Amino acid sequence: MRVLVAIAVLSIGCSKKEQAKPVEQPPPRPADPAPKPAEPAPKPAEPARTGSVDELAARIGAKVVARGAAELDDKPGPDRWAQLDGGEHGQYVIETSGKVFLAQYEADGRTQPWPGDPAGKAIAHQQGHRAGYQRWELAVRGGELVVLREESVDDARAGDAPVKKDYGDCVPSCPKAGERGFTVSSGPTLADVGTMGR
């Protein structure tokens, strides 16, 4: 009977130890992560630029000798421009909002192309000749490349005074650059200009 009592005491003692054990709780669940911030709205697409001034110059057999930005049209904001040298011909490239112009001129040792001026409102181009010169100021008005002012001296040796014509902000009455010895092509992108004959 002693064995039986010992087994009973043991089993009672074991069952009390098991009951006294605290019940294990599962670990607390981590808090939900903060919601992701909304992604920013996509930026509006910029208009595709087809080609570059350097590619245009290579295509027409010229090199870029100057470039910059100036207010050359009748809309707010600077316009990009470049001057190209192709030996016997030079060119001005003007990139306005929505249109590109290429104005070609004959060049020799008396040609004084516009070197550029960020504060400039027109391209001032001068061509000297034996005894005088012709000077034109080109700009974009009403979507066309026009002459705003022109000046000439036929024979300075004979005392000829400069003849000046100022057309002001002449939309639509300004003479077009093509009417003053420039060969002009235009299009929506750089790839669309420069197809004129040389």
C-alpha atoms as a PDB file:
ATOM      1  CA  MET A   1       0.000   0.000   0.000  1.00  0.00           C
ATOM      2  CA  ARG A   2       2.893   2.294   0.586  1.00  0.00           C
ATOM      3  CA  VAL A   3       3.765   2.111  -3.063  1.00  0.00           C
ATOM      4  CA  LEU A   4       0.245   3.001  -3.985  1.00  0.00           C
ATOM      5  CA  VAL A   5       0.181   6.025  -1.657  1.00  0.00           C
ATOM      6  CA  ALA A   6       3.554   7.232  -3.008  1.00  0.00           C
ATOM      7  CA  ILE A   7       2.317   6.998  -6.588  1.00  0.00           C
ATOM      8  CA  ALA A   8      -0.886   8.825  -5.672  1.00  0.00           C
ATOM      9  CA  VAL A   9       1.067  11.589  -3.887  1.00  0.00           C
ATOM     10  CA  LEU A  10       3.402  11.883  -6.809  1.00  0.00           C
ATOM     11  CA  SER A  11       0.611  12.106  -9.327  1.00  0.00           C
ATOM     12  CA  ILE A  12      -1.219  14.731  -7.246  1.00  0.00           C
ATOM     13  CA  GLY A  13       1.996  16.757  -6.851  1.00  0.00           C
ATOM     14  CA  CYS A  14       2.697  16.590 -10.573  1.00  0.00           C
ATOM     15  CA  SER A  15      -0.807  17.616 -11.531  1.00  0.00           C
ATOM     16  CA  LYS A  16      -0.608  20.651  -9.198  1.00  0.00           C
ATOM     17  CA  LYS A  17       2.678  21.717 -10.781  1.00  0.00           C
ATOM     18  CA  GLU A  18       1.138  21.463 -14.212  1.00  0.00           C
ATOM     19  CA  GLN A  19      -1.877  23.469 -13.118  1.00  0.00           C
ATOM     20  CA  ALA A  20       0.284  26.167 -11.530  1.00  0.00           C
ATOM     21  CA  LYS A  21       2.097  26.778 -14.798  1.00  0.00           C
ATOM     22  CA  PRO A  22       0.844  29.952 -16.417  1.00  0.00           C
ATOM     23  CA  VAL A  23      -0.656  29.502 -19.822  1.00  0.00           C
ATOM     24  CA  GLU A  24       1.674  30.885 -22.456  1.00  0.00           C
ATOM     25  CA  GLN A  25       0.156  33.645 -24.535  1.00  0.00           C
ATOM     26  CA  PRO A  26       1.173  33.983 -28.174  1.00  0.00           C
ATOM     27  CA  PRO A  27       3.482  36.964 -28.758  1.00  0.00           C
ATOM     28  CA  PRO A  28       1.639  40.187 -29.547  1.00  0.00           C
ATOM     29  CA  ARG A  29       1.130  40.789 -33.226  1.00  0.00           C
ATOM     30  CA  PRO A  30       3.144  43.750 -34.582  1.00  0.00           C
ATOM     31  CA  ALA A  31       1.125  46.848 -35.434  1.00  0.00           C
ATOM     32  CA  ASP A  32       0.162  47.261 -39.065  1.00  0.00           C
ATOM     33  CA  PRO A  33       2.760  49.316 -40.941  1.00  0.00           C
ATOM     34  CA  ALA A  34       1.797  52.879 -41.844  1.00  0.00           C
ATOM     35  CA  PRO A  35       0.100  53.087 -45.223  1.00  0.00           C
ATOM     36  CA  LYS A  36       2.388  53.952 -48.125  1.00  0.00           C
ATOM     37  CA  PRO A  37       2.197  57.574 -49.204  1.00  0.00           C
ATOM     38  CA  ALA A  38       0.497  58.136 -52.508  1.00  0.00           C
ATOM     39  CA  GLU A  39       2.895  58.271 -55.439  1.00  0.00           C
ATOM     40  CA  PRO A  40       3.335  61.743 -56.916  1.00  0.00           C
ATOM     41  CA  ALA A  41       1.373  62.500 -60.018  1.00  0.00           C
ATOM     42  CA  PRO A  42       3.399  61.942 -63.184  1.00  0.00           C
ATOM     43  CA  LYS A  43       4.940  65.049 -64.704  1.00  0.00           C
ATOM     44  CA  PRO A  44       3.413  66.132 -67.981  1.00  0.00           C
ATOM     45  CA  ALA A  45       5.449  64.945 -70.911  1.00  0.00           C
ATOM     46  CA  GLU A  46       7.727  67.529 -72.468  1.00  0.00           C
ATOM     47  CA  PRO A  47       7.392  67.938 -76.196  1.00  0.00           C
ATOM     48  CA  ALA A  48       9.784  65.667 -78.010  1.00  0.00           C
ATOM     49  CA  ARG A  49      12.817  67.399 -79.415  1.00  0.00           C
ATOM     50  CA  THR A  50      13.835  65.897 -82.681  1.00  0.00           C
ATOM     51  CA  GLY A  51      17.501  66.354 -83.411  1.00  0.00           C
ATOM     52  CA  SER A  52      20.000  68.834 -82.061  1.00  0.00           C
ATOM     53  CA  VAL A  53      21.746  71.884 -83.448  1.00  0.00           C
ATOM     54  CA  ASP A  54      24.964  69.848 -83.680  1.00  0.00           C
ATOM     55  CA  GLU A  55      23.189  67.161 -85.747  1.00  0.00           C
ATOM     56  CA  LEU A  56      21.672  69.844 -87.996  1.00  0.00           C
ATOM     57  CA  ALA A  57      25.095  71.436 -88.506  1.00  0.00           C
ATOM     58  CA  ALA A  58      26.624  68.066 -89.427  1.00  0.00           C
ATOM     59  CA  ARG A  59      23.750  67.354 -91.836  1.00  0.00           C
ATOM     60  CA  ILE A  60      24.263  70.601 -93.771  1.00  0.00           C
ATOM     61  CA  GLY A  61      28.070  70.548 -93.648  1.00  0.00           C
ATOM     62  CA  ALA A  62      28.531  73.353 -91.110  1.00  0.00           C
ATOM     63  CA  LYS A  63      29.849  73.745 -87.583  1.00  0.00           C
ATOM     64  CA  VAL A  64      28.316  75.468 -84.551  1.00  0.00           C
ATOM     65  CA  VAL A  65      30.375  78.580 -83.721  1.00  0.00           C
ATOM     66  CA  ALA A  66      28.080  80.286 -81.191  1.00  0.00           C
ATOM     67  CA  ARG A  67      24.885  79.529 -79.287  1.00  0.00           C
ATOM     68  CA  GLY A  68      22.792  80.990 -76.524  1.00  0.00           C
ATOM     69  CA  ALA A  69      19.360  82.254 -75.544  1.00  0.00           C
ATOM     70  CA  ALA A  70      17.717  85.625 -76.119  1.00  0.00           C
ATOM     71  CA  GLU A  71      14.183  86.999 -76.457  1.00  0.00           C
ATOM     72  CA  LEU A  72      13.853  86.777 -80.246  1.00  0.00           C
ATOM     73  CA  ASP A  73      10.106  86.306 -80.691  1.00  0.00           C
ATOM     74  CA  ASP A  74       6.943  88.049 -79.565  1.00  0.00           C
ATOM     75  CA  LYS A  75       6.131  85.543 -76.797  1.00  0.00           C
ATOM     76  CA  PRO A  76       7.521  85.728 -73.239  1.00  0.00           C
ATOM     77  CA  GLY A  77      10.620  83.695 -72.457  1.00  0.00           C
ATOM     78  CA  PRO A  78      14.037  83.341 -74.074  1.00  0.00           C
ATOM     79  CA  ASP A  79      14.479  81.483 -77.345  1.00  0.00           C
ATOM     80  CA  ARG A  80      17.460  79.322 -78.193  1.00  0.00           C
ATOM     81  CA  TRP A  81      19.643  80.365 -81.094  1.00  0.00           C
ATOM     82  CA  ALA A  82      22.850  79.189 -82.728  1.00  0.00           C
ATOM     83  CA  GLN A  83      25.158  80.514 -85.395  1.00  0.00           C
ATOM     84  CA  LEU A  84      26.563  77.992 -87.866  1.00  0.00           C
ATOM     85  CA  ASP A  85      29.529  78.419 -90.183  1.00  0.00           C
ATOM     86  CA  GLY A  86      29.574  76.490 -93.415  1.00  0.00           C
ATOM     87  CA  GLY A  87      32.383  78.253 -95.280  1.00  0.00           C
ATOM     88  CA  GLU A  88      30.751  80.250 -98.074  1.00  0.00           C
ATOM     89  CA  HIS A  89      27.447  80.197 -96.180  1.00  0.00           C
ATOM     90  CA  GLY A  90      26.508  80.902 -92.608  1.00  0.00           C
ATOM     91  CA  GLN A  91      23.262  80.159 -90.847  1.00  0.00           C
ATOM     92  CA  TYR A  92      21.278  81.320 -87.850  1.00  0.00           C
ATOM     93  CA  VAL A  93      19.106  78.738 -86.110  1.00  0.00           C
ATOM     94  CA  ILE A  94      16.292  80.120 -83.974  1.00  0.00           C
ATOM     95  CA  GLU A  95      14.201  77.764 -81.822  1.00  0.00           C
ATOM     96  CA  THR A  96      11.004  79.451 -80.650  1.00  0.00           C
ATOM     97  CA  SER A  97       8.053  77.830 -78.941  1.00  0.00           C
ATOM     98  CA  GLY A  98       6.675  75.471 -81.539  1.00  0.00           C
ATOM     99  CA  LYS A  99       8.792  76.472 -84.542  1.00  0.00           C
ATOM    100  CA  VAL A 100      12.405  76.345 -85.702  1.00  0.00           C
ATOM    101  CA  PHE A 101      13.893  78.706 -88.294  1.00  0.00           C
ATOM    102  CA  LEU A 102      17.086  78.359 -90.301  1.00  0.00           C
ATOM    103  CA  ALA A 103      18.222  81.537 -92.054  1.00  0.00           C
ATOM    104  CA  GLN A 104      21.139  81.066 -94.450  1.00  0.00           C
ATOM    105  CA  TYR A 105      23.307  83.904 -95.730  1.00  0.00           C
ATOM    106  CA  GLU A 106      26.327  84.222 -97.994  1.00  0.00           C
ATOM    107  CA  ALA A 107      29.525  84.755 -96.026  1.00  0.00           C
ATOM    108  CA  ASP A 108      32.865  86.276 -96.899  1.00  0.00           C
ATOM    109  CA  GLY A 109      35.583  88.189 -95.075  1.00  0.00           C
ATOM    110  CA  ARG A 110      33.320  91.245 -94.710  1.00  0.00           C
ATOM    111  CA  THR A 111      30.414  89.386 -93.081  1.00  0.00           C
ATOM    112  CA  GLN A 112      29.814  90.347 -89.461  1.00  0.00           C
ATOM    113  CA  PRO A 113      27.514  87.693 -87.995  1.00  0.00           C
ATOM    114  CA  TRP A 114      25.700  88.308 -84.734  1.00  0.00           C
ATOM    115  CA  PRO A 115      27.861  87.071 -81.845  1.00  0.00           C
ATOM    116  CA  GLY A 116      24.845  86.808 -79.566  1.00  0.00           C
ATOM    117  CA  ASP A 117      23.536  88.883 -76.693  1.00  0.00           C
ATOM    118  CA  PRO A 118      21.324  87.470 -73.907  1.00  0.00           C
ATOM    119  CA  ALA A 119      19.639  90.879 -73.639  1.00  0.00           C
ATOM    120  CA  GLY A 120      19.215  91.117 -77.422  1.00  0.00           C
ATOM    121  CA  LYS A 121      15.766  91.363 -78.983  1.00  0.00           C
ATOM    122  CA  ALA A 122      16.908  90.696 -82.553  1.00  0.00           C
ATOM    123  CA  ILE A 123      19.776  89.130 -84.492  1.00  0.00           C
ATOM    124  CA  ALA A 124      21.905  91.991 -85.834  1.00  0.00           C
ATOM    125  CA  HIS A 125      23.617  90.776 -89.018  1.00  0.00           C
ATOM    126  CA  GLN A 126      25.886  92.981 -91.128  1.00  0.00           C
ATOM    127  CA  GLN A 127      27.376  92.436 -94.557  1.00  0.00           C
ATOM    128  CA  GLY A 128      30.106  94.804 -95.691  1.00  0.00           C
ATOM    129  CA  HIS A 129      30.871  95.580 -99.310  1.00  0.00           C
ATOM    130  CA  ARG A 130      33.530  97.568-101.075  1.00  0.00           C
ATOM    131  CA  ALA A 131      32.498 101.025 -99.915  1.00  0.00           C
ATOM    132  CA  GLY A 132      29.696 100.496 -97.422  1.00  0.00           C
ATOM    133  CA  TYR A 133      27.497  97.915 -95.710  1.00  0.00           C
ATOM    134  CA  GLN A 134      24.024  96.508 -95.196  1.00  0.00           C
ATOM    135  CA  ARG A 135      22.700  95.664 -91.738  1.00  0.00           C
ATOM    136  CA  TRP A 136      19.531  93.774 -90.805  1.00  0.00           C
ATOM    137  CA  GLU A 137      17.913  93.033 -87.456  1.00  0.00           C
ATOM    138  CA  LEU A 138      16.013  89.748 -87.625  1.00  0.00           C
ATOM    139  CA  ALA A 139      13.368  88.501 -85.190  1.00  0.00           C
ATOM    140  CA  VAL A 140      10.312  86.259 -85.124  1.00  0.00           C
ATOM    141  CA  ARG A 141       6.991  88.091 -85.228  1.00  0.00           C
ATOM    142  CA  GLY A 142       3.610  86.541 -85.858  1.00  0.00           C
ATOM    143  CA  GLY A 143       5.249  83.142 -86.458  1.00  0.00           C
ATOM    144  CA  GLU A 144       7.526  84.421 -89.257  1.00  0.00           C
ATOM    145  CA  LEU A 145      11.213  85.388 -89.430  1.00  0.00           C
ATOM    146  CA  VAL A 146      11.144  89.078 -90.329  1.00  0.00           C
ATOM    147  CA  VAL A 147      13.353  92.180 -90.567  1.00  0.00           C
ATOM    148  CA  LEU A 148      12.621  94.686 -87.775  1.00  0.00           C
ATOM    149  CA  ARG A 149      15.212  97.253 -88.883  1.00  0.00           C
ATOM    150  CA  GLU A 150      17.609  97.673 -91.755  1.00  0.00           C
ATOM    151  CA  GLU A 151      20.388 100.112 -92.496  1.00  0.00           C
ATOM    152  CA  SER A 152      22.672 100.553 -95.473  1.00  0.00           C
ATOM    153  CA  VAL A 153      25.416 102.785 -96.822  1.00  0.00           C
ATOM    154  CA  ASP A 154      26.057 102.588-100.555  1.00  0.00           C
ATOM    155  CA  ASP A 155      29.334 104.482-100.781  1.00  0.00           C
ATOM    156  CA  ALA A 156      30.857 105.925 -97.642  1.00  0.00           C
ATOM    157  CA  ARG A 157      33.787 107.298 -99.712  1.00  0.00           C
ATOM    158  CA  ALA A 158      31.367 109.482-101.614  1.00  0.00           C
ATOM    159  CA  GLY A 159      29.876 110.748 -98.362  1.00  0.00           C
ATOM    160  CA  ASP A 160      26.678 108.689 -98.539  1.00  0.00           C
ATOM    161  CA  ALA A 161      24.759 108.830 -95.266  1.00  0.00           C
ATOM    162  CA  PRO A 162      23.225 105.683 -93.776  1.00  0.00           C
ATOM    163  CA  VAL A 163      19.714 104.920 -94.967  1.00  0.00           C
ATOM    164  CA  LYS A 164      17.695 103.525 -92.040  1.00  0.00           C
ATOM    165  CA  LYS A 165      14.309 101.843 -91.992  1.00  0.00           C
ATOM    166  CA  ASP A 166      12.679 100.901 -88.687  1.00  0.00           C
ATOM    167  CA  TYR A 167       9.602  98.724 -89.034  1.00  0.00           C
ATOM    168  CA  GLY A 168       8.919  98.616 -85.275  1.00  0.00           C
ATOM    169  CA  ASP A 169       6.886  95.702 -83.995  1.00  0.00           C
ATOM    170  CA  CYS A 170       5.387  95.383 -87.417  1.00  0.00           C
ATOM    171  CA  VAL A 171       3.079  92.376 -87.454  1.00  0.00           C
ATOM    172  CA  PRO A 172       2.062  91.724 -90.232  1.00  0.00           C
ATOM    173  CA  SER A 173       3.776  94.461 -92.267  1.00  0.00           C
ATOM    174  CA  CYS A 174       7.469  93.622 -91.622  1.00  0.00           C
ATOM    175  CA  PRO A 175       9.435  92.436 -94.624  1.00  0.00           C
ATOM    176  CA  LYS A 176      10.218  88.740 -94.405  1.00  0.00           C
ATOM    177  CA  ALA A 177      13.886  87.775 -94.024  1.00  0.00           C
ATOM    178  CA  GLY A 178      13.606  85.815 -97.278  1.00  0.00           C
ATOM    179  CA  GLU A 179      12.880  89.090 -99.080  1.00  0.00           C
ATOM    180  CA  ARG A 180      16.189  90.565 -97.880  1.00  0.00           C
ATOM    181  CA  GLY A 181      18.727  88.048 -99.155  1.00  0.00           C
ATOM    182  CA  PHE A 182      18.358  85.306 -96.553  1.00  0.00           C
ATOM    183  CA  THR A 183      17.288  81.814 -97.540  1.00  0.00           C
ATOM    184  CA  VAL A 184      14.830  80.721 -94.848  1.00  0.00           C
ATOM    185  CA  SER A 185      13.402  77.327 -94.011  1.00  0.00           C
ATOM    186  CA  SER A 186      11.233  76.534 -91.012  1.00  0.00           C
ATOM    187  CA  GLY A 187       9.428  73.648 -89.407  1.00  0.00           C
ATOM    188  CA  PRO A 188       8.247  72.277 -86.080  1.00  0.00           C
ATOM    189  CA  THR A 189      11.609  70.623 -85.208  1.00  0.00           C
ATOM    190  CA  LEU A 190      15.301  70.866 -86.016  1.00  0.00           C
ATOM    191  CA  ALA A 191      14.948  67.788 -88.215  1.00  0.00           C
ATOM    192  CA  ASP A 192      12.521  69.687 -90.451  1.00  0.00           C
ATOM    193  CA  VAL A 193      14.862  72.532 -91.400  1.00  0.00           C
ATOM    194  CA  GLY A 194      18.054  72.658 -93.416  1.00  0.00           C
ATOM    195  CA  THR A 195      16.852  71.042 -96.599  1.00  0.00           C
ATOM    196  CA  MET A 196      17.585  74.124 -98.717  1.00  0.00           C
ATOM    197  CA  GLY A 197      20.127  73.873-101.516  1.00  0.00           C
ATOM    198  CA  ARG A 198      23.669  75.075-100.944  1.00  0.00           C
END
